[in-house]
């Protein structure tokens, strides 16, 4: 299916289920940016998907299921040590006490990067801002995600606090600020645009 044949009503539910390709996801996010009224429709789908796991009847798994499957496939069970090594290789863990806080170009802001993906051009980390910090206006190259950990963050006249999740679509822009200081986890693009070169004053 080409972009000319895309339909928001068809792609929005798949977007909420995270089943779209990157071009399709970008197309949906662009539609929401161009027509903000579509955000309410998309939010409805996203809210519905959060209830899906709870609508599935619960069932118990036989304790020997893994052994029986491996036996039927003629495979030897991996040793516990091998499983631990495989899990360790697949996981990336940063303890709170090991966060590497660095001063940000914006005065009053510290940032700790916990993951960098050069291929996707994405960074994930934790941002901490002092009271009264105004973050410069920036435009998102891709989706930006924020999960509030503490304090307050004002975006577009709305105040967000601990436990709130903010997802900004590609192409959108804002200049958040905080009254009492804040801390949040974020995932964003390395290629966000800052029209004002001099960053003086959180994302």
C-alpha atoms as a PDB file:
ATOM      1  CA  UNK A   1       0.000   0.000   0.000  1.00  0.00           C
ATOM      2  CA  UNK A   2       1.381   3.396  -1.012  1.00  0.00           C
ATOM      3  CA  UNK A   3       0.918   6.658   0.904  1.00  0.00           C
ATOM      4  CA  UNK A   4      -1.699   7.716  -1.664  1.00  0.00           C
ATOM      5  CA  UNK A   5      -3.874   4.814  -0.494  1.00  0.00           C
ATOM      6  CA  UNK A   6      -3.394   5.341   3.250  1.00  0.00           C
ATOM      7  CA  UNK A   7      -6.546   5.825   5.311  1.00  0.00           C
ATOM      8  CA  UNK A   8      -6.337   7.213   8.851  1.00  0.00           C
ATOM      9  CA  UNK A   9      -9.352   5.224  10.062  1.00  0.00           C
ATOM     10  CA  UNK A  10      -7.638   1.994   8.943  1.00  0.00           C
ATOM     11  CA  UNK A  11      -4.113   2.782  10.120  1.00  0.00           C
ATOM     12  CA  UNK A  12      -4.942   4.407  13.478  1.00  0.00           C
ATOM     13  CA  UNK A  13      -5.982   1.125  15.201  1.00  0.00           C
ATOM     14  CA  UNK A  14      -2.836  -0.575  13.856  1.00  0.00           C
ATOM     15  CA  UNK A  15      -0.771   2.373  15.069  1.00  0.00           C
ATOM     16  CA  UNK A  16      -2.182   1.914  18.575  1.00  0.00           C
ATOM     17  CA  UNK A  17      -1.219  -1.773  18.415  1.00  0.00           C
ATOM     18  CA  UNK A  18       2.290  -0.874  17.164  1.00  0.00           C
ATOM     19  CA  UNK A  19       1.829  -2.958  14.009  1.00  0.00           C
ATOM     20  CA  UNK A  20       2.757  -0.363  11.375  1.00  0.00           C
ATOM     21  CA  UNK A  21       5.924   0.056   9.355  1.00  0.00           C
ATOM     22  CA  UNK A  22       8.004   3.191   9.955  1.00  0.00           C
ATOM     23  CA  UNK A  23       6.615   5.022   6.853  1.00  0.00           C
ATOM     24  CA  UNK A  24       3.051   4.214   7.952  1.00  0.00           C
ATOM     25  CA  UNK A  25       3.739   5.371  11.536  1.00  0.00           C
ATOM     26  CA  UNK A  26       5.214   8.641  10.259  1.00  0.00           C
ATOM     27  CA  UNK A  27       2.189   9.146   7.997  1.00  0.00           C
ATOM     28  CA  UNK A  28      -0.251   8.715  10.922  1.00  0.00           C
ATOM     29  CA  UNK A  29       1.777  11.083  13.124  1.00  0.00           C
ATOM     30  CA  UNK A  30       1.884  13.644  10.315  1.00  0.00           C
ATOM     31  CA  UNK A  31      -1.924  13.495   9.973  1.00  0.00           C
ATOM     32  CA  UNK A  32      -2.327  14.136  13.713  1.00  0.00           C
ATOM     33  CA  UNK A  33       0.076  17.079  13.465  1.00  0.00           C
ATOM     34  CA  UNK A  34      -1.784  18.580  10.493  1.00  0.00           C
ATOM     35  CA  UNK A  35      -5.266  17.832  11.962  1.00  0.00           C
ATOM     36  CA  UNK A  36      -5.047  17.993  15.797  1.00  0.00           C
ATOM     37  CA  UNK A  37      -8.678  16.833  16.088  1.00  0.00           C
ATOM     38  CA  UNK A  38      -7.501  13.371  14.978  1.00  0.00           C
ATOM     39  CA  UNK A  39      -5.465  13.093  18.186  1.00  0.00           C
ATOM     40  CA  UNK A  40      -8.648  12.383  20.174  1.00  0.00           C
ATOM     41  CA  UNK A  41      -9.576   9.528  17.804  1.00  0.00           C
ATOM     42  CA  UNK A  42      -6.065   8.060  18.037  1.00  0.00           C
ATOM     43  CA  UNK A  43      -6.083   8.382  21.834  1.00  0.00           C
ATOM     44  CA  UNK A  44      -9.315   6.386  21.920  1.00  0.00           C
ATOM     45  CA  UNK A  45      -7.662   3.516  20.067  1.00  0.00           C
ATOM     46  CA  UNK A  46      -4.604   3.691  22.333  1.00  0.00           C
ATOM     47  CA  UNK A  47      -6.803   3.603  25.425  1.00  0.00           C
ATOM     48  CA  UNK A  48      -8.648   0.560  24.067  1.00  0.00           C
ATOM     49  CA  UNK A  49      -5.383  -1.316  23.455  1.00  0.00           C
ATOM     50  CA  UNK A  50      -4.360  -0.882  27.099  1.00  0.00           C
ATOM     51  CA  UNK A  51      -7.440  -2.903  28.096  1.00  0.00           C
ATOM     52  CA  UNK A  52      -6.756  -5.795  25.714  1.00  0.00           C
ATOM     53  CA  UNK A  53      -4.419  -7.785  28.007  1.00  0.00           C
ATOM     54  CA  UNK A  54      -7.022  -7.622  30.773  1.00  0.00           C
ATOM     55  CA  UNK A  55      -9.792  -8.973  28.548  1.00  0.00           C
ATOM     56  CA  UNK A  56      -8.001 -12.254  27.840  1.00  0.00           C
ATOM     57  CA  UNK A  57      -9.117 -15.124  30.118  1.00  0.00           C
ATOM     58  CA  UNK A  58      -6.390 -16.104  32.523  1.00  0.00           C
ATOM     59  CA  UNK A  59      -5.001 -19.600  32.341  1.00  0.00           C
ATOM     60  CA  UNK A  60      -2.313 -21.627  34.018  1.00  0.00           C
ATOM     61  CA  UNK A  61       0.766 -22.945  32.240  1.00  0.00           C
ATOM     62  CA  UNK A  62       1.921 -26.459  33.027  1.00  0.00           C
ATOM     63  CA  UNK A  63       5.124 -26.402  35.047  1.00  0.00           C
ATOM     64  CA  UNK A  64       6.749 -28.978  32.763  1.00  0.00           C
ATOM     65  CA  UNK A  65       5.673 -27.334  29.483  1.00  0.00           C
ATOM     66  CA  UNK A  66       9.188 -26.188  28.575  1.00  0.00           C
ATOM     67  CA  UNK A  67      10.623 -29.690  29.203  1.00  0.00           C
ATOM     68  CA  UNK A  68       7.913 -31.328  27.080  1.00  0.00           C
ATOM     69  CA  UNK A  69       8.425 -28.889  24.194  1.00  0.00           C
ATOM     70  CA  UNK A  70      12.183 -29.389  24.156  1.00  0.00           C
ATOM     71  CA  UNK A  71      11.678 -33.163  24.359  1.00  0.00           C
ATOM     72  CA  UNK A  72       9.229 -33.165  21.430  1.00  0.00           C
ATOM     73  CA  UNK A  73      11.648 -31.083  19.344  1.00  0.00           C
ATOM     74  CA  UNK A  74      14.532 -33.363  20.245  1.00  0.00           C
ATOM     75  CA  UNK A  75      16.504 -30.537  21.832  1.00  0.00           C
ATOM     76  CA  UNK A  76      18.607 -30.506  24.959  1.00  0.00           C
ATOM     77  CA  UNK A  77      17.503 -28.099  27.671  1.00  0.00           C
ATOM     78  CA  UNK A  78      19.910 -25.169  27.984  1.00  0.00           C
ATOM     79  CA  UNK A  79      21.857 -25.035  31.208  1.00  0.00           C
ATOM     80  CA  UNK A  80      20.790 -22.364  33.718  1.00  0.00           C
ATOM     81  CA  UNK A  81      24.174 -20.705  33.232  1.00  0.00           C
ATOM     82  CA  UNK A  82      23.660 -20.495  29.451  1.00  0.00           C
ATOM     83  CA  UNK A  83      20.252 -18.888  30.002  1.00  0.00           C
ATOM     84  CA  UNK A  84      21.757 -16.317  32.354  1.00  0.00           C
ATOM     85  CA  UNK A  85      24.466 -15.436  29.829  1.00  0.00           C
ATOM     86  CA  UNK A  86      21.913 -15.082  27.018  1.00  0.00           C
ATOM     87  CA  UNK A  87      19.695 -12.846  29.168  1.00  0.00           C
ATOM     88  CA  UNK A  88      22.671 -10.750  30.221  1.00  0.00           C
ATOM     89  CA  UNK A  89      23.726 -10.294  26.587  1.00  0.00           C
ATOM     90  CA  UNK A  90      20.211  -9.156  25.604  1.00  0.00           C
ATOM     91  CA  UNK A  91      19.714  -6.758  28.519  1.00  0.00           C
ATOM     92  CA  UNK A  92      21.071  -3.308  29.123  1.00  0.00           C
ATOM     93  CA  UNK A  93      20.812  -2.214  32.733  1.00  0.00           C
ATOM     94  CA  UNK A  94      21.732   1.095  34.339  1.00  0.00           C
ATOM     95  CA  UNK A  95      21.291   1.383  38.101  1.00  0.00           C
ATOM     96  CA  UNK A  96      20.051   4.693  39.520  1.00  0.00           C
ATOM     97  CA  UNK A  97      23.307   5.188  41.404  1.00  0.00           C
ATOM     98  CA  UNK A  98      25.258   4.651  38.166  1.00  0.00           C
ATOM     99  CA  UNK A  99      23.575   7.397  36.134  1.00  0.00           C
ATOM    100  CA  UNK A 100      26.223   9.617  34.554  1.00  0.00           C
ATOM    101  CA  UNK A 101      24.811  13.116  35.034  1.00  0.00           C
ATOM    102  CA  UNK A 102      26.204  15.741  32.662  1.00  0.00           C
ATOM    103  CA  UNK A 103      25.489  19.479  32.444  1.00  0.00           C
ATOM    104  CA  UNK A 104      23.181  20.345  29.551  1.00  0.00           C
ATOM    105  CA  UNK A 105      23.666  23.439  27.317  1.00  0.00           C
ATOM    106  CA  UNK A 106      20.488  24.784  28.946  1.00  0.00           C
ATOM    107  CA  UNK A 107      21.392  26.397  32.259  1.00  0.00           C
ATOM    108  CA  UNK A 108      19.874  24.570  35.248  1.00  0.00           C
ATOM    109  CA  UNK A 109      19.491  21.254  33.409  1.00  0.00           C
ATOM    110  CA  UNK A 110      21.331  17.969  33.968  1.00  0.00           C
ATOM    111  CA  UNK A 111      20.997  14.999  31.645  1.00  0.00           C
ATOM    112  CA  UNK A 112      21.957  11.316  31.923  1.00  0.00           C
ATOM    113  CA  UNK A 113      21.940   9.306  28.686  1.00  0.00           C
ATOM    114  CA  UNK A 114      21.130   5.628  29.318  1.00  0.00           C
ATOM    115  CA  UNK A 115      20.933   4.408  25.715  1.00  0.00           C
ATOM    116  CA  UNK A 116      22.063   5.652  22.325  1.00  0.00           C
ATOM    117  CA  UNK A 117      20.973   4.027  19.038  1.00  0.00           C
ATOM    118  CA  UNK A 118      23.067   5.425  16.198  1.00  0.00           C
ATOM    119  CA  UNK A 119      21.182   3.381  13.592  1.00  0.00           C
ATOM    120  CA  UNK A 120      17.767   4.768  14.582  1.00  0.00           C
ATOM    121  CA  UNK A 121      19.291   8.112  15.591  1.00  0.00           C
ATOM    122  CA  UNK A 122      17.547   7.890  18.981  1.00  0.00           C
ATOM    123  CA  UNK A 123      18.659   8.639  22.522  1.00  0.00           C
ATOM    124  CA  UNK A 124      17.034   7.685  25.818  1.00  0.00           C
ATOM    125  CA  UNK A 125      17.823   9.182  29.172  1.00  0.00           C
ATOM    126  CA  UNK A 126      16.764  11.088  32.245  1.00  0.00           C
ATOM    127  CA  UNK A 127      16.511  14.878  32.393  1.00  0.00           C
ATOM    128  CA  UNK A 128      16.519  16.915  35.593  1.00  0.00           C
ATOM    129  CA  UNK A 129      15.631  20.619  35.601  1.00  0.00           C
ATOM    130  CA  UNK A 130      15.859  23.193  38.370  1.00  0.00           C
ATOM    131  CA  UNK A 131      12.865  25.396  39.278  1.00  0.00           C
ATOM    132  CA  UNK A 132      12.092  28.072  36.698  1.00  0.00           C
ATOM    133  CA  UNK A 133      13.923  26.470  33.769  1.00  0.00           C
ATOM    134  CA  UNK A 134      12.613  27.324  30.294  1.00  0.00           C
ATOM    135  CA  UNK A 135      13.671  24.867  27.587  1.00  0.00           C
ATOM    136  CA  UNK A 136      14.144  26.376  24.111  1.00  0.00           C
ATOM    137  CA  UNK A 137      11.633  25.760  21.350  1.00  0.00           C
ATOM    138  CA  UNK A 138      12.510  22.640  19.371  1.00  0.00           C
ATOM    139  CA  UNK A 139      10.885  20.623  16.586  1.00  0.00           C
ATOM    140  CA  UNK A 140      10.838  16.816  16.728  1.00  0.00           C
ATOM    141  CA  UNK A 141      12.429  14.863  13.890  1.00  0.00           C
ATOM    142  CA  UNK A 142      10.598  11.731  15.093  1.00  0.00           C
ATOM    143  CA  UNK A 143       8.306  10.853  18.003  1.00  0.00           C
ATOM    144  CA  UNK A 144       9.382  12.166  21.394  1.00  0.00           C
ATOM    145  CA  UNK A 145       8.281  10.289  24.528  1.00  0.00           C
ATOM    146  CA  UNK A 146       8.402  11.653  28.075  1.00  0.00           C
ATOM    147  CA  UNK A 147       7.478   9.852  31.290  1.00  0.00           C
ATOM    148  CA  UNK A 148       7.340  12.174  34.273  1.00  0.00           C
ATOM    149  CA  UNK A 149       9.156  10.991  37.406  1.00  0.00           C
ATOM    150  CA  UNK A 150       8.847  14.053  39.659  1.00  0.00           C
ATOM    151  CA  UNK A 151       7.955  17.744  39.696  1.00  0.00           C
ATOM    152  CA  UNK A 152       5.966  19.694  37.107  1.00  0.00           C
ATOM    153  CA  UNK A 153       6.369  20.245  33.371  1.00  0.00           C
ATOM    154  CA  UNK A 154       4.233  22.688  31.399  1.00  0.00           C
ATOM    155  CA  UNK A 155       3.672  22.030  27.689  1.00  0.00           C
ATOM    156  CA  UNK A 156       1.138  23.969  25.652  1.00  0.00           C
ATOM    157  CA  UNK A 157      -0.563  25.327  28.760  1.00  0.00           C
ATOM    158  CA  UNK A 158      -1.021  21.868  30.317  1.00  0.00           C
ATOM    159  CA  UNK A 159       0.799  20.910  33.531  1.00  0.00           C
ATOM    160  CA  UNK A 160       2.105  17.366  33.840  1.00  0.00           C
ATOM    161  CA  UNK A 161       3.328  15.608  36.969  1.00  0.00           C
ATOM    162  CA  UNK A 162       4.764  12.322  38.237  1.00  0.00           C
ATOM    163  CA  UNK A 163       3.304   9.327  36.382  1.00  0.00           C
ATOM    164  CA  UNK A 164       2.146  11.293  33.327  1.00  0.00           C
ATOM    165  CA  UNK A 165       3.181  10.136  29.843  1.00  0.00           C
ATOM    166  CA  UNK A 166       3.593  12.629  26.993  1.00  0.00           C
ATOM    167  CA  UNK A 167       4.037  11.527  23.369  1.00  0.00           C
ATOM    168  CA  UNK A 168       4.760  14.250  20.821  1.00  0.00           C
ATOM    169  CA  UNK A 169       4.471  13.290  17.126  1.00  0.00           C
ATOM    170  CA  UNK A 170       7.143  13.837  14.503  1.00  0.00           C
ATOM    171  CA  UNK A 171       7.074  17.387  13.167  1.00  0.00           C
ATOM    172  CA  UNK A 172       5.546  18.853  16.320  1.00  0.00           C
ATOM    173  CA  UNK A 173       7.343  21.441  18.404  1.00  0.00           C
ATOM    174  CA  UNK A 174       7.214  22.964  21.877  1.00  0.00           C
ATOM    175  CA  UNK A 175       9.155  24.922  24.473  1.00  0.00           C
ATOM    176  CA  UNK A 176       8.415  23.303  27.861  1.00  0.00           C
ATOM    177  CA  UNK A 177       9.131  24.920  31.199  1.00  0.00           C
ATOM    178  CA  UNK A 178       8.877  24.069  34.868  1.00  0.00           C
ATOM    179  CA  UNK A 179       7.852  26.110  37.895  1.00  0.00           C
ATOM    180  CA  UNK A 180       9.124  23.924  40.710  1.00  0.00           C
ATOM    181  CA  UNK A 181      11.676  21.779  38.895  1.00  0.00           C
ATOM    182  CA  UNK A 182      11.198  18.317  37.445  1.00  0.00           C
ATOM    183  CA  UNK A 183      12.732  15.012  36.473  1.00  0.00           C
ATOM    184  CA  UNK A 184      11.599  12.770  33.627  1.00  0.00           C
ATOM    185  CA  UNK A 185      12.623   9.878  31.410  1.00  0.00           C
ATOM    186  CA  UNK A 186      12.709  10.651  27.692  1.00  0.00           C
ATOM    187  CA  UNK A 187      13.253   9.020  24.315  1.00  0.00           C
ATOM    188  CA  UNK A 188      13.806  11.315  21.363  1.00  0.00           C
ATOM    189  CA  UNK A 189      15.709  11.857  18.129  1.00  0.00           C
ATOM    190  CA  UNK A 190      19.298  13.043  17.889  1.00  0.00           C
ATOM    191  CA  UNK A 191      18.128  15.147  14.944  1.00  0.00           C
ATOM    192  CA  UNK A 192      15.574  17.418  16.651  1.00  0.00           C
ATOM    193  CA  UNK A 193      15.745  20.965  15.316  1.00  0.00           C
ATOM    194  CA  UNK A 194      16.455  24.004  17.496  1.00  0.00           C
ATOM    195  CA  UNK A 195      15.707  27.136  15.431  1.00  0.00           C
ATOM    196  CA  UNK A 196      17.330  29.273  18.131  1.00  0.00           C
ATOM    197  CA  UNK A 197      21.016  28.365  18.084  1.00  0.00           C
ATOM    198  CA  UNK A 198      21.787  29.838  21.515  1.00  0.00           C
ATOM    199  CA  UNK A 199      20.112  27.594  24.101  1.00  0.00           C
ATOM    200  CA  UNK A 200      19.747  29.765  27.170  1.00  0.00           C
ATOM    201  CA  UNK A 201      17.445  28.786  29.559  1.00  0.00           C
ATOM    202  CA  UNK A 202      13.155  21.026  29.924  1.00  0.00           C
ATOM    203  CA  UNK A 203      12.185  18.485  26.488  1.00  0.00           C
END
